[in-house]
PDB file of N, CA and C in Angstrom:
ATOM      1  N   UNK A   1      -9.143 -12.752  10.186  1.00  0.00           N
ATOM      2  CA  UNK A   1      -8.589 -11.869  11.368  1.00  0.00           C
ATOM      3  C   UNK A   1      -7.108 -11.584  10.600  1.00  0.00           C
ATOM      4  N   UNK A   2      -6.731 -10.084  10.658  1.00  0.00           N
ATOM      5  CA  UNK A   2      -5.936  -9.319   9.844  1.00  0.00           C
ATOM      6  C   UNK A   2      -4.605  -9.385  10.478  1.00  0.00           C
ATOM      7  N   UNK A   3      -3.388  -9.997   9.903  1.00  0.00           N
ATOM      8  CA  UNK A   3      -2.010 -10.454  10.557  1.00  0.00           C
ATOM      9  C   UNK A   3      -1.362  -9.141  10.901  1.00  0.00           C
ATOM     10  N   UNK A   4      -0.569  -9.365  11.117  1.00  0.00           N
ATOM     11  CA  UNK A   4       0.493  -8.381  11.682  1.00  0.00           C
ATOM     12  C   UNK A   4       1.810  -8.989  10.880  1.00  0.00           C
ATOM     13  N   UNK A   5       2.007  -8.055  10.037  1.00  0.00           N
ATOM     14  CA  UNK A   5       3.324  -8.183   9.284  1.00  0.00           C
ATOM     15  C   UNK A   5       4.399  -7.765   9.485  1.00  0.00           C
ATOM     16  N   UNK A   6       5.677  -8.593   9.412  1.00  0.00           N
ATOM     17  CA  UNK A   6       7.026  -8.103   9.548  1.00  0.00           C
ATOM     18  C   UNK A   6       7.600  -7.835   8.112  1.00  0.00           C
ATOM     19  N   UNK A   7       7.209  -7.910   7.004  1.00  0.00           N
ATOM     20  CA  UNK A   7       7.996  -7.994   6.145  1.00  0.00           C
ATOM     21  C   UNK A   7       6.795  -7.186   4.804  1.00  0.00           C
ATOM     22  N   UNK A   8       7.204  -6.195   4.077  1.00  0.00           N
ATOM     23  CA  UNK A   8       6.465  -5.632   2.942  1.00  0.00           C
ATOM     24  C   UNK A   8       6.242  -6.986   2.225  1.00  0.00           C
ATOM     25  N   UNK A   9       6.906  -7.486   1.762  1.00  0.00           N
ATOM     26  CA  UNK A   9       6.965  -8.679   0.565  1.00  0.00           C
ATOM     27  C   UNK A   9       5.678  -9.830   1.224  1.00  0.00           C
ATOM     28  N   UNK A  10       5.318 -10.052   2.860  1.00  0.00           N
ATOM     29  CA  UNK A  10       4.296 -11.069   2.912  1.00  0.00           C
ATOM     30  C   UNK A  10       3.176 -10.218   2.778  1.00  0.00           C
ATOM     31  N   UNK A  11       2.866  -9.164   3.172  1.00  0.00           N
ATOM     32  CA  UNK A  11       1.355  -8.280   3.005  1.00  0.00           C
ATOM     33  C   UNK A  11       1.354  -8.082   1.385  1.00  0.00           C
ATOM     34  N   UNK A  12       2.372  -7.964   0.592  1.00  0.00           N
ATOM     35  CA  UNK A  12       1.876  -8.129  -0.815  1.00  0.00           C
ATOM     36  C   UNK A  12       1.440  -9.497  -1.168  1.00  0.00           C
ATOM     37  N   UNK A  13       1.910 -10.413  -0.374  1.00  0.00           N
ATOM     38  CA  UNK A  13       1.748 -12.087  -1.418  1.00  0.00           C
ATOM     39  C   UNK A  13       0.282 -11.879  -0.976  1.00  0.00           C
ATOM     40  N   UNK A  14       0.070 -11.873   0.607  1.00  0.00           N
ATOM     41  CA  UNK A  14      -1.828 -11.842   0.949  1.00  0.00           C
ATOM     42  C   UNK A  14      -3.018 -11.294  -0.078  1.00  0.00           C
ATOM     43  N   UNK A  15      -2.262  -9.677  -0.053  1.00  0.00           N
ATOM     44  CA  UNK A  15      -3.036  -9.334  -1.445  1.00  0.00           C
ATOM     45  C   UNK A  15      -3.028  -9.551  -2.383  1.00  0.00           C
ATOM     46  N   UNK A  16      -2.384 -10.314  -2.941  1.00  0.00           N
ATOM     47  CA  UNK A  16      -2.421 -10.674  -4.210  1.00  0.00           C
ATOM     48  C   UNK A  16      -3.105 -12.250  -3.588  1.00  0.00           C
ATOM     49  N   UNK A  17      -3.109 -13.280  -3.073  1.00  0.00           N
ATOM     50  CA  UNK A  17      -3.573 -14.382  -2.553  1.00  0.00           C
ATOM     51  C   UNK A  17      -4.712 -13.941  -2.034  1.00  0.00           C
ATOM     52  N   UNK A  18      -5.422 -12.982  -1.504  1.00  0.00           N
ATOM     53  CA  UNK A  18      -6.958 -12.799  -1.734  1.00  0.00           C
ATOM     54  C   UNK A  18      -7.723 -11.844  -2.211  1.00  0.00           C
ATOM     55  N   UNK A  19      -6.452 -11.647  -3.418  1.00  0.00           N
ATOM     56  CA  UNK A  19      -7.363 -11.187  -4.593  1.00  0.00           C
ATOM     57  C   UNK A  19      -8.110  -9.872  -4.461  1.00  0.00           C
ATOM     58  N   UNK A  20      -7.030  -8.919  -3.582  1.00  0.00           N
ATOM     59  CA  UNK A  20      -7.223  -7.428  -3.180  1.00  0.00           C
ATOM     60  C   UNK A  20      -6.468  -6.668  -3.769  1.00  0.00           C
ATOM     61  N   UNK A  21      -5.406  -7.073  -4.352  1.00  0.00           N
ATOM     62  CA  UNK A  21      -4.167  -6.296  -4.325  1.00  0.00           C
ATOM     63  C   UNK A  21      -4.306  -5.521  -5.517  1.00  0.00           C
ATOM     64  N   UNK A  22      -5.262  -5.395  -6.522  1.00  0.00           N
ATOM     65  CA  UNK A  22      -5.470  -4.594  -7.081  1.00  0.00           C
ATOM     66  C   UNK A  22      -6.647  -3.356  -5.855  1.00  0.00           C
ATOM     67  N   UNK A  23      -7.639  -3.344  -5.686  1.00  0.00           N
ATOM     68  CA  UNK A  23      -7.995  -2.821  -4.664  1.00  0.00           C
ATOM     69  C   UNK A  23      -7.180  -2.440  -3.322  1.00  0.00           C
ATOM     70  N   UNK A  24      -5.874  -2.600  -3.415  1.00  0.00           N
ATOM     71  CA  UNK A  24      -4.835  -2.153  -2.552  1.00  0.00           C
ATOM     72  C   UNK A  24      -4.279  -1.244  -3.255  1.00  0.00           C
ATOM     73  N   UNK A  25      -4.117  -1.387  -4.603  1.00  0.00           N
ATOM     74  CA  UNK A  25      -3.612   0.389  -5.109  1.00  0.00           C
ATOM     75  C   UNK A  25      -4.427   0.712  -5.785  1.00  0.00           C
ATOM     76  N   UNK A  26      -5.876   0.518  -5.902  1.00  0.00           N
ATOM     77  CA  UNK A  26      -6.827   1.492  -5.831  1.00  0.00           C
ATOM     78  C   UNK A  26      -7.028   2.606  -4.552  1.00  0.00           C
ATOM     79  N   UNK A  27      -6.735   2.367  -3.520  1.00  0.00           N
ATOM     80  CA  UNK A  27      -6.475   2.525  -2.327  1.00  0.00           C
ATOM     81  C   UNK A  27      -5.533   3.518  -2.616  1.00  0.00           C
ATOM     82  N   UNK A  28      -4.427   3.337  -2.632  1.00  0.00           N
ATOM     83  CA  UNK A  28      -3.480   3.897  -2.474  1.00  0.00           C
ATOM     84  C   UNK A  28      -3.090   5.045  -3.590  1.00  0.00           C
ATOM     85  N   UNK A  29      -3.500   5.161  -4.615  1.00  0.00           N
ATOM     86  CA  UNK A  29      -4.092   6.083  -5.673  1.00  0.00           C
ATOM     87  C   UNK A  29      -5.112   6.863  -5.412  1.00  0.00           C
ATOM     88  N   UNK A  30      -5.952   6.645  -5.049  1.00  0.00           N
ATOM     89  CA  UNK A  30      -7.191   7.268  -3.992  1.00  0.00           C
ATOM     90  C   UNK A  30      -6.504   8.439  -3.242  1.00  0.00           C
ATOM     91  N   UNK A  31      -5.887   8.228  -2.290  1.00  0.00           N
ATOM     92  CA  UNK A  31      -4.965   8.551  -0.789  1.00  0.00           C
ATOM     93  C   UNK A  31      -4.062   9.724  -1.423  1.00  0.00           C
ATOM     94  N   UNK A  32      -3.383   8.810  -2.474  1.00  0.00           N
ATOM     95  CA  UNK A  32      -2.142  10.087  -3.420  1.00  0.00           C
ATOM     96  C   UNK A  32      -3.123  11.530  -3.964  1.00  0.00           C
ATOM     97  N   UNK A  33      -3.679  10.899  -5.009  1.00  0.00           N
ATOM     98  CA  UNK A  33      -5.136  12.015  -5.212  1.00  0.00           C
ATOM     99  C   UNK A  33      -5.474  13.407  -4.108  1.00  0.00           C
ATOM    100  N   UNK A  34      -6.124  12.225  -3.095  1.00  0.00           N
ATOM    101  CA  UNK A  34      -6.746  13.632  -1.965  1.00  0.00           C
ATOM    102  C   UNK A  34      -5.327  14.205  -1.382  1.00  0.00           C
ATOM    103  N   UNK A  35      -4.423  13.768  -1.133  1.00  0.00           N
ATOM    104  CA  UNK A  35      -2.769  14.584  -0.717  1.00  0.00           C
ATOM    105  C   UNK A  35      -2.048  15.274  -1.943  1.00  0.00           C
ATOM    106  N   UNK A  36      -2.971  15.759  -3.185  1.00  0.00           N
ATOM    107  CA  UNK A  36      -2.411  16.563  -4.337  1.00  0.00           C
ATOM    108  C   UNK A  36      -1.211  15.648  -4.803  1.00  0.00           C
ATOM    109  N   UNK A  37      -1.324  14.637  -4.741  1.00  0.00           N
ATOM    110  CA  UNK A  37       0.293  13.977  -5.731  1.00  0.00           C
ATOM    111  C   UNK A  37      -0.070  12.992  -6.672  1.00  0.00           C
ATOM    112  N   UNK A  38       0.617  13.702  -7.050  1.00  0.00           N
ATOM    113  CA  UNK A  38       0.388  13.256  -8.854  1.00  0.00           C
ATOM    114  C   UNK A  38       0.725  11.886  -9.034  1.00  0.00           C
ATOM    115  N   UNK A  39       2.073  11.325  -8.679  1.00  0.00           N
ATOM    116  CA  UNK A  39       2.294  10.135  -8.820  1.00  0.00           C
ATOM    117  C   UNK A  39       1.036   9.166  -8.710  1.00  0.00           C
ATOM    118  N   UNK A  40       1.370   8.177  -9.603  1.00  0.00           N
ATOM    119  CA  UNK A  40      -0.120   7.504  -9.437  1.00  0.00           C
ATOM    120  C   UNK A  40      -0.050   5.686 -10.012  1.00  0.00           C
ATOM    121  N   UNK A  41      -0.015   4.282  -9.035  1.00  0.00           N
ATOM    122  CA  UNK A  41       0.490   3.041  -9.874  1.00  0.00           C
ATOM    123  C   UNK A  41      -0.506   2.368 -10.567  1.00  0.00           C
ATOM    124  N   UNK A  42       0.167   1.925 -12.028  1.00  0.00           N
ATOM    125  CA  UNK A  42      -0.636   0.974 -12.719  1.00  0.00           C
ATOM    126  C   UNK A  42      -1.153  -0.050 -12.542  1.00  0.00           C
ATOM    127  N   UNK A  43      -2.573  -0.541 -12.295  1.00  0.00           N
ATOM    128  CA  UNK A  43      -3.272  -1.455 -11.721  1.00  0.00           C
ATOM    129  C   UNK A  43      -2.588  -3.054 -12.425  1.00  0.00           C
ATOM    130  N   UNK A  44      -1.612  -2.967 -12.954  1.00  0.00           N
ATOM    131  CA  UNK A  44      -0.832  -4.205 -13.301  1.00  0.00           C
ATOM    132  C   UNK A  44       0.580  -4.202 -12.837  1.00  0.00           C
ATOM    133  N   UNK A  45       0.731  -3.073 -12.284  1.00  0.00           N
ATOM    134  CA  UNK A  45       2.240  -3.080 -11.709  1.00  0.00           C
ATOM    135  C   UNK A  45       2.643  -4.590 -10.410  1.00  0.00           C
ATOM    136  N   UNK A  46       3.678  -4.445 -10.821  1.00  0.00           N
ATOM    137  CA  UNK A  46       4.432  -6.127 -10.328  1.00  0.00           C
ATOM    138  C   UNK A  46       4.285  -5.646  -8.746  1.00  0.00           C
ATOM    139  N   UNK A  47       4.187  -6.679  -7.831  1.00  0.00           N
ATOM    140  CA  UNK A  47       4.068  -6.079  -6.088  1.00  0.00           C
ATOM    141  C   UNK A  47       6.191  -5.501  -5.962  1.00  0.00           C
ATOM    142  N   UNK A  48       6.701  -6.326  -6.516  1.00  0.00           N
ATOM    143  CA  UNK A  48       8.458  -6.038  -5.978  1.00  0.00           C
ATOM    144  C   UNK A  48       8.260  -4.570  -7.081  1.00  0.00           C
ATOM    145  N   UNK A  49       7.716  -4.381  -7.993  1.00  0.00           N
ATOM    146  CA  UNK A  49       7.933  -2.849  -8.612  1.00  0.00           C
ATOM    147  C   UNK A  49       6.464  -1.805  -7.803  1.00  0.00           C
ATOM    148  N   UNK A  50       6.387  -2.341  -7.476  1.00  0.00           N
ATOM    149  CA  UNK A  50       5.113  -1.623  -6.561  1.00  0.00           C
ATOM    150  C   UNK A  50       5.901  -1.233  -5.038  1.00  0.00           C
ATOM    151  N   UNK A  51       6.740  -2.634  -4.724  1.00  0.00           N
ATOM    152  CA  UNK A  51       7.335  -1.462  -3.400  1.00  0.00           C
ATOM    153  C   UNK A  51       8.574  -0.710  -3.767  1.00  0.00           C
ATOM    154  N   UNK A  52       9.155  -0.946  -4.828  1.00  0.00           N
ATOM    155  CA  UNK A  52      10.315  -0.059  -5.133  1.00  0.00           C
ATOM    156  C   UNK A  52      10.074   1.458  -5.776  1.00  0.00           C
ATOM    157  N   UNK A  53       8.630   1.562  -6.142  1.00  0.00           N
ATOM    158  CA  UNK A  53       7.918   2.552  -6.566  1.00  0.00           C
ATOM    159  C   UNK A  53       7.847   3.519  -5.169  1.00  0.00           C
ATOM    160  N   UNK A  54       6.873   3.230  -4.575  1.00  0.00           N
ATOM    161  CA  UNK A  54       6.202   3.630  -3.304  1.00  0.00           C
ATOM    162  C   UNK A  54       7.858   4.335  -2.449  1.00  0.00           C
ATOM    163  N   UNK A  55       8.838   3.320  -2.563  1.00  0.00           N
ATOM    164  CA  UNK A  55       9.827   3.114  -1.730  1.00  0.00           C
ATOM    165  C   UNK A  55      10.675   4.970  -2.371  1.00  0.00           C
ATOM    166  N   UNK A  56      10.751   4.800  -4.189  1.00  0.00           N
ATOM    167  CA  UNK A  56      11.390   6.297  -4.242  1.00  0.00           C
ATOM    168  C   UNK A  56      10.475   7.245  -3.691  1.00  0.00           C
ATOM    169  N   UNK A  57       8.951   7.481  -4.461  1.00  0.00           N
ATOM    170  CA  UNK A  57       8.209   8.054  -3.702  1.00  0.00           C
ATOM    171  C   UNK A  57       8.119   8.997  -2.789  1.00  0.00           C
ATOM    172  N   UNK A  58       8.001   8.149  -1.667  1.00  0.00           N
ATOM    173  CA  UNK A  58       8.601   8.320  -0.150  1.00  0.00           C
ATOM    174  C   UNK A  58       9.694   9.427   0.135  1.00  0.00           C
ATOM    175  N   UNK A  59      11.134   8.608  -0.619  1.00  0.00           N
ATOM    176  CA  UNK A  59      12.644   9.480  -0.876  1.00  0.00           C
ATOM    177  C   UNK A  59      12.166  10.748  -1.251  1.00  0.00           C
ATOM    178  N   UNK A  60      11.426  11.065  -2.009  1.00  0.00           N
ATOM    179  CA  UNK A  60      11.544  12.186  -2.826  1.00  0.00           C
ATOM    180  C   UNK A  60      11.044  12.974  -2.195  1.00  0.00           C
ATOM    181  N   UNK A  61       9.639  12.120  -1.658  1.00  0.00           N
ATOM    182  CA  UNK A  61       8.933  13.334  -1.014  1.00  0.00           C
ATOM    183  C   UNK A  61       9.195  14.316   0.501  1.00  0.00           C
ATOM    184  N   UNK A  62      10.320  13.168   1.147  1.00  0.00           N
ATOM    185  CA  UNK A  62      10.928  13.494   2.054  1.00  0.00           C
ATOM    186  C   UNK A  62      11.797  14.540   1.889  1.00  0.00           C
ATOM    187  N   UNK A  63      12.458  14.520   1.198  1.00  0.00           N
ATOM    188  CA  UNK A  63      13.411  15.157   0.486  1.00  0.00           C
ATOM    189  C   UNK A  63      13.279  16.582  -0.062  1.00  0.00           C
ATOM    190  N   UNK A  64      12.053  16.149  -0.754  1.00  0.00           N
ATOM    191  CA  UNK A  64      11.424  17.143  -1.656  1.00  0.00           C
ATOM    192  C   UNK A  64      10.401  18.399  -1.450  1.00  0.00           C
ATOM    193  N   UNK A  65       9.508  17.553  -0.649  1.00  0.00           N
ATOM    194  CA  UNK A  65       7.889  18.222  -0.711  1.00  0.00           C
ATOM    195  C   UNK A  65       7.463  17.968   0.524  1.00  0.00           C
ATOM    196  N   UNK A  66       8.176  17.851   1.538  1.00  0.00           N
ATOM    197  CA  UNK A  66       8.014  17.253   2.951  1.00  0.00           C
ATOM    198  C   UNK A  66       6.385  17.945   3.115  1.00  0.00           C
ATOM    199  N   UNK A  67       6.297  19.300   3.245  1.00  0.00           N
ATOM    200  CA  UNK A  67       4.635  19.212   3.679  1.00  0.00           C
ATOM    201  C   UNK A  67       3.775  18.409   2.731  1.00  0.00           C
ATOM    202  N   UNK A  68       3.582  17.752   1.272  1.00  0.00           N
ATOM    203  CA  UNK A  68       3.413  16.673   0.840  1.00  0.00           C
ATOM    204  C   UNK A  68       3.035  15.297   1.953  1.00  0.00           C
ATOM    205  N   UNK A  69       4.651  15.300   2.110  1.00  0.00           N
ATOM    206  CA  UNK A  69       4.666  13.508   2.888  1.00  0.00           C
ATOM    207  C   UNK A  69       3.981  13.906   3.847  1.00  0.00           C
ATOM    208  N   UNK A  70       3.973  15.032   4.747  1.00  0.00           N
ATOM    209  CA  UNK A  70       3.391  14.622   6.194  1.00  0.00           C
ATOM    210  C   UNK A  70       1.818  14.969   6.354  1.00  0.00           C
ATOM    211  N   UNK A  71       1.335  15.810   5.007  1.00  0.00           N
ATOM    212  CA  UNK A  71      -0.004  15.544   4.210  1.00  0.00           C
ATOM    213  C   UNK A  71      -0.374  14.063   4.092  1.00  0.00           C
ATOM    214  N   UNK A  72       0.426  13.737   3.134  1.00  0.00           N
ATOM    215  CA  UNK A  72       0.083  12.089   3.156  1.00  0.00           C
ATOM    216  C   UNK A  72      -0.338  10.977   4.159  1.00  0.00           C
ATOM    217  N   UNK A  73       0.741  11.277   5.202  1.00  0.00           N
ATOM    218  CA  UNK A  73       0.256  10.723   6.130  1.00  0.00           C
ATOM    219  C   UNK A  73      -0.359  10.903   7.030  1.00  0.00           C
ATOM    220  N   UNK A  74      -1.033  12.110   7.217  1.00  0.00           N
ATOM    221  CA  UNK A  74      -2.474  12.799   7.925  1.00  0.00           C
ATOM    222  C   UNK A  74      -3.843  11.851   6.497  1.00  0.00           C
ATOM    223  N   UNK A  75      -3.673  12.007   5.254  1.00  0.00           N
ATOM    224  CA  UNK A  75      -4.711  11.292   4.717  1.00  0.00           C
ATOM    225  C   UNK A  75      -4.795   9.680   4.833  1.00  0.00           C
ATOM    226  N   UNK A  76      -3.627   9.206   4.661  1.00  0.00           N
ATOM    227  CA  UNK A  76      -3.051   7.638   4.931  1.00  0.00           C
ATOM    228  C   UNK A  76      -3.875   7.498   6.313  1.00  0.00           C
ATOM    229  N   UNK A  77      -3.380   8.204   7.494  1.00  0.00           N
ATOM    230  CA  UNK A  77      -3.828   7.793   8.953  1.00  0.00           C
ATOM    231  C   UNK A  77      -2.866   6.851   9.078  1.00  0.00           C
ATOM    232  N   UNK A  78      -1.684   7.270   9.045  1.00  0.00           N
ATOM    233  CA  UNK A  78      -0.612   6.300   8.861  1.00  0.00           C
ATOM    234  C   UNK A  78      -0.716   6.867  10.939  1.00  0.00           C
ATOM    235  N   UNK A  79       0.174   6.017  11.885  1.00  0.00           N
ATOM    236  CA  UNK A  79       0.518   6.195  13.053  1.00  0.00           C
ATOM    237  C   UNK A  79       1.505   7.038  13.477  1.00  0.00           C
ATOM    238  N   UNK A  80       0.856   8.363  14.114  1.00  0.00           N
ATOM    239  CA  UNK A  80       1.901   9.501  14.134  1.00  0.00           C
ATOM    240  C   UNK A  80       3.440   8.970  15.310  1.00  0.00           C
ATOM    241  N   UNK A  81       2.329   7.758  16.168  1.00  0.00           N
ATOM    242  CA  UNK A  81       3.539   6.945  16.832  1.00  0.00           C
ATOM    243  C   UNK A  81       4.702   6.338  16.204  1.00  0.00           C
ATOM    244  N   UNK A  82       3.793   5.586  15.327  1.00  0.00           N
ATOM    245  CA  UNK A  82       5.269   4.397  15.088  1.00  0.00           C
ATOM    246  C   UNK A  82       6.231   5.482  13.710  1.00  0.00           C
ATOM    247  N   UNK A  83       5.517   6.245  13.219  1.00  0.00           N
ATOM    248  CA  UNK A  83       6.830   7.022  12.301  1.00  0.00           C
ATOM    249  C   UNK A  83       7.328   7.710  13.165  1.00  0.00           C
ATOM    250  N   UNK A  84       7.372   8.232  14.269  1.00  0.00           N
ATOM    251  CA  UNK A  84       7.864   9.111  15.523  1.00  0.00           C
ATOM    252  C   UNK A  84       8.894   8.130  15.911  1.00  0.00           C
ATOM    253  N   UNK A  85       8.557   6.537  16.182  1.00  0.00           N
ATOM    254  CA  UNK A  85       9.355   5.651  16.810  1.00  0.00           C
ATOM    255  C   UNK A  85      10.326   5.176  15.496  1.00  0.00           C
ATOM    256  N   UNK A  86      10.501   5.232  14.134  1.00  0.00           N
ATOM    257  CA  UNK A  86      11.366   5.168  13.207  1.00  0.00           C
ATOM    258  C   UNK A  86      12.718   5.561  13.885  1.00  0.00           C
ATOM    259  N   UNK A  87      13.667   5.602  13.102  1.00  0.00           N
ATOM    260  CA  UNK A  87      15.405   5.931  13.278  1.00  0.00           C
ATOM    261  C   UNK A  87      15.587   6.470  11.906  1.00  0.00           C
ATOM    262  N   UNK A  88      15.725   8.032  12.198  1.00  0.00           N
ATOM    263  CA  UNK A  88      15.437   9.268  10.646  1.00  0.00           C
ATOM    264  C   UNK A  88      16.777   9.883  10.582  1.00  0.00           C
ATOM    265  N   UNK A  89      17.891   8.381  10.829  1.00  0.00           N
ATOM    266  CA  UNK A  89      19.174   9.281  10.557  1.00  0.00           C
ATOM    267  C   UNK A  89      19.393   8.938   8.918  1.00  0.00           C
ATOM    268  N   UNK A  90      19.245   7.660   8.671  1.00  0.00           N
ATOM    269  CA  UNK A  90      19.489   7.120   7.214  1.00  0.00           C
ATOM    270  C   UNK A  90      18.093   7.598   6.182  1.00  0.00           C
ATOM    271  N   UNK A  91      18.056   8.161   5.563  1.00  0.00           N
ATOM    272  CA  UNK A  91      16.585   8.584   4.989  1.00  0.00           C
ATOM    273  C   UNK A  91      16.161   7.629   3.997  1.00  0.00           C
ATOM    274  N   UNK A  92      17.061   6.903   3.241  1.00  0.00           N
ATOM    275  CA  UNK A  92      16.873   6.061   2.529  1.00  0.00           C
ATOM    276  C   UNK A  92      15.831   4.838   3.231  1.00  0.00           C
ATOM    277  N   UNK A  93      16.782   3.935   4.510  1.00  0.00           N
ATOM    278  CA  UNK A  93      16.026   3.530   4.923  1.00  0.00           C
ATOM    279  C   UNK A  93      14.836   3.576   5.902  1.00  0.00           C
ATOM    280  N   UNK A  94      14.952   4.528   6.077  1.00  0.00           N
ATOM    281  CA  UNK A  94      13.197   5.983   6.995  1.00  0.00           C
ATOM    282  C   UNK A  94      12.278   5.794   5.506  1.00  0.00           C
ATOM    283  N   UNK A  95      12.534   6.072   4.491  1.00  0.00           N
ATOM    284  CA  UNK A  95      11.796   6.343   3.180  1.00  0.00           C
ATOM    285  C   UNK A  95      11.149   4.491   3.248  1.00  0.00           C
ATOM    286  N   UNK A  96      11.889   3.420   3.368  1.00  0.00           N
ATOM    287  CA  UNK A  96      11.333   1.991   3.106  1.00  0.00           C
ATOM    288  C   UNK A  96      10.927   1.780   4.242  1.00  0.00           C
ATOM    289  N   UNK A  97      11.269   2.194   5.412  1.00  0.00           N
ATOM    290  CA  UNK A  97      10.057   1.724   6.777  1.00  0.00           C
ATOM    291  C   UNK A  97       8.591   2.601   6.246  1.00  0.00           C
ATOM    292  N   UNK A  98       8.901   4.076   5.722  1.00  0.00           N
ATOM    293  CA  UNK A  98       7.451   4.666   5.901  1.00  0.00           C
ATOM    294  C   UNK A  98       6.934   3.870   4.947  1.00  0.00           C
ATOM    295  N   UNK A  99       7.379   3.366   3.808  1.00  0.00           N
ATOM    296  CA  UNK A  99       6.543   2.780   2.855  1.00  0.00           C
ATOM    297  C   UNK A  99       5.897   1.829   2.859  1.00  0.00           C
ATOM    298  N   UNK A 100       6.315   0.881   3.958  1.00  0.00           N
ATOM    299  CA  UNK A 100       6.195   0.018   4.510  1.00  0.00           C
ATOM    300  C   UNK A 100       4.601   0.086   5.965  1.00  0.00           C
ATOM    301  N   UNK A 101       5.254   1.094   6.605  1.00  0.00           N
ATOM    302  CA  UNK A 101       3.376   1.426   7.348  1.00  0.00           C
ATOM    303  C   UNK A 101       2.613   2.213   6.468  1.00  0.00           C
ATOM    304  N   UNK A 102       3.158   2.955   5.387  1.00  0.00           N
ATOM    305  CA  UNK A 102       1.666   3.216   4.601  1.00  0.00           C
ATOM    306  C   UNK A 102       1.113   1.842   3.847  1.00  0.00           C
ATOM    307  N   UNK A 103       1.862   1.074   3.411  1.00  0.00           N
ATOM    308  CA  UNK A 103       1.222  -0.178   2.852  1.00  0.00           C
ATOM    309  C   UNK A 103       0.263  -0.828   3.923  1.00  0.00           C
ATOM    310  N   UNK A 104       0.874  -1.146   4.626  1.00  0.00           N
ATOM    311  CA  UNK A 104       0.033  -2.056   5.695  1.00  0.00           C
ATOM    312  C   UNK A 104      -0.985  -1.162   6.883  1.00  0.00           C
ATOM    313  N   UNK A 105      -0.839   0.311   6.476  1.00  0.00           N
ATOM    314  CA  UNK A 105      -2.624   1.684   7.055  1.00  0.00           C
ATOM    315  C   UNK A 105      -3.266   0.553   5.486  1.00  0.00           C
ATOM    316  N   UNK A 106      -2.798   1.309   4.360  1.00  0.00           N
ATOM    317  CA  UNK A 106      -3.558   1.032   2.787  1.00  0.00           C
ATOM    318  C   UNK A 106      -4.322  -0.351   2.771  1.00  0.00           C
ATOM    319  N   UNK A 107      -3.677  -1.266   3.309  1.00  0.00           N
ATOM    320  CA  UNK A 107      -4.212  -2.645   3.287  1.00  0.00           C
ATOM    321  C   UNK A 107      -5.226  -3.089   4.871  1.00  0.00           C
ATOM    322  N   UNK A 108      -5.169  -2.450   5.664  1.00  0.00           N
ATOM    323  CA  UNK A 108      -6.308  -2.351   6.207  1.00  0.00           C
ATOM    324  C   UNK A 108      -7.199  -2.117   6.255  1.00  0.00           C
ATOM    325  N   UNK A 109      -7.167  -0.381   5.659  1.00  0.00           N
ATOM    326  CA  UNK A 109      -8.623  -0.454   5.500  1.00  0.00           C
ATOM    327  C   UNK A 109      -9.638  -1.247   4.027  1.00  0.00           C
ATOM    328  N   UNK A 110      -8.454  -1.757   3.334  1.00  0.00           N
ATOM    329  CA  UNK A 110      -8.454  -2.506   2.097  1.00  0.00           C
ATOM    330  C   UNK A 110      -9.220  -3.849   2.560  1.00  0.00           C
ATOM    331  N   UNK A 111      -8.697  -4.180   3.285  1.00  0.00           N
ATOM    332  CA  UNK A 111      -8.997  -5.939   4.013  1.00  0.00           C
ATOM    333  C   UNK A 111     -10.114  -5.676   4.969  1.00  0.00           C
ATOM    334  N   UNK A 112     -10.320  -4.256   5.563  1.00  0.00           N
ATOM    335  CA  UNK A 112     -11.650  -4.272   6.540  1.00  0.00           C
ATOM    336  C   UNK A 112     -12.977  -4.025   5.606  1.00  0.00           C
ATOM    337  N   UNK A 113     -12.579  -3.102   4.756  1.00  0.00           N
ATOM    338  CA  UNK A 113     -13.558  -3.068   3.944  1.00  0.00           C
ATOM    339  C   UNK A 113     -14.174  -4.252   2.987  1.00  0.00           C
ATOM    340  N   UNK A 114     -13.234  -5.310   2.966  1.00  0.00           N
ATOM    341  CA  UNK A 114     -13.793  -6.289   2.252  1.00  0.00           C
ATOM    342  C   UNK A 114     -14.438  -7.313   2.826  1.00  0.00           C
ATOM    343  N   UNK A 115     -13.907  -7.416   4.337  1.00  0.00           N
ATOM    344  CA  UNK A 115     -13.939  -8.537   5.320  1.00  0.00           C
ATOM    345  C   UNK A 115     -15.136  -8.058   6.160  1.00  0.00           C
ATOM    346  N   UNK A 116     -15.438  -7.280   6.576  1.00  0.00           N
ATOM    347  CA  UNK A 116     -16.617  -7.146   7.435  1.00  0.00           C
ATOM    348  C   UNK A 116     -17.959  -6.682   6.359  1.00  0.00           C
TER     349      UNK A 116
END
């Protein structure tokens, strides 16, 4: 059964434990490519570095390339209701929360592909 995560770190620990971390990165890279976003993640990036890099990319997209940001959310199939429920007053915090929602959605895809 897929767990509900409160923190990004717990999700990344489980992905590593279940030996699906590389597939999670593959899924992220695939969806970034589909959204025509040139950033990609190295397969040997640490979970902590992945968290920081994704946060920075999301922050940059919100600030500078909002259309690409929306397209990425659509391609990843991140819940519009969850995005709208976030407090957008602090863009740094908002981008961290969006990065977490993105990783949760990508993890769902990877987990289901490998468990079902």
